[in-house]
């Protein structure tokens, strides 16, 4: 009976450690953001849209 409890505790600890590693990697991920389009680029898109009409 004690062997079953020891195995259950070991499995629980193993799952806990894996969960903490996964959470840690998730928080360490570096997100990137695309830069805002420049004003000149926006004006070029507007003239291209007018030409399509």
Protein backbone atom coordinates (compact mmCIF):
# COMPACT_ATOMS: atom_id res chain seq x y z
CA UNK A 1 0.00 0.00 0.00
CA UNK A 2 2.82 2.40 0.80
CA UNK A 3 4.39 1.66 -2.59
CA UNK A 4 1.22 2.85 -4.34
CA UNK A 5 1.23 6.11 -2.37
CA UNK A 6 4.93 6.67 -3.17
CA UNK A 7 4.32 6.08 -6.89
CA UNK A 8 1.33 8.45 -6.86
CA UNK A 9 3.38 11.17 -5.14
CA UNK A 10 6.23 10.71 -7.64
CA UNK A 11 3.87 10.94 -10.62
CA UNK A 12 2.21 14.04 -9.13
CA UNK A 13 5.59 15.71 -8.58
CA UNK A 14 6.65 14.83 -12.14
CA UNK A 15 3.48 16.38 -13.59
CA UNK A 16 3.93 19.47 -11.41
CA UNK A 17 7.52 19.95 -12.60
CA UNK A 18 6.51 19.55 -16.25
CA UNK A 19 3.68 22.07 -15.77
CA UNK A 20 6.04 24.62 -14.23
CA UNK A 21 8.55 24.17 -17.06
CA UNK A 22 5.80 24.67 -19.66
CA UNK A 23 4.47 27.80 -17.92
CA UNK A 24 7.99 29.19 -17.63
CA UNK A 25 8.63 28.71 -21.36
CA UNK A 26 5.31 30.38 -22.16
CA UNK A 27 6.17 33.49 -20.15
CA UNK A 28 9.67 33.61 -21.66
CA UNK A 29 8.32 33.75 -25.24
CA UNK A 30 9.20 37.06 -26.93
CA UNK A 31 6.22 38.43 -28.87
CA UNK A 32 6.87 40.68 -31.84
CA UNK A 33 4.75 43.52 -33.15
CA UNK A 34 4.74 44.71 -36.75
CA UNK A 35 5.76 48.35 -37.13
CA UNK A 36 3.10 50.91 -37.94
CA UNK A 37 2.92 51.82 -41.62
CA UNK A 38 4.59 55.10 -42.47
CA UNK A 39 2.62 58.15 -43.60
CA UNK A 40 4.05 57.90 -47.14
CA UNK A 41 3.00 54.27 -47.37
CA UNK A 42 -0.55 55.19 -46.34
CA UNK A 43 -0.76 57.91 -49.00
CA UNK A 44 0.47 55.47 -51.65
CA UNK A 45 -2.22 52.98 -50.67
CA UNK A 46 -4.92 55.65 -50.94
CA UNK A 47 -3.80 56.65 -54.45
CA UNK A 48 -3.68 53.01 -55.49
CA UNK A 49 -7.21 52.51 -54.17
CA UNK A 50 -8.45 55.52 -56.17
CA UNK A 51 -6.78 54.22 -59.34
CA UNK A 52 -8.57 50.86 -58.97
CA UNK A 53 -11.98 52.58 -59.03
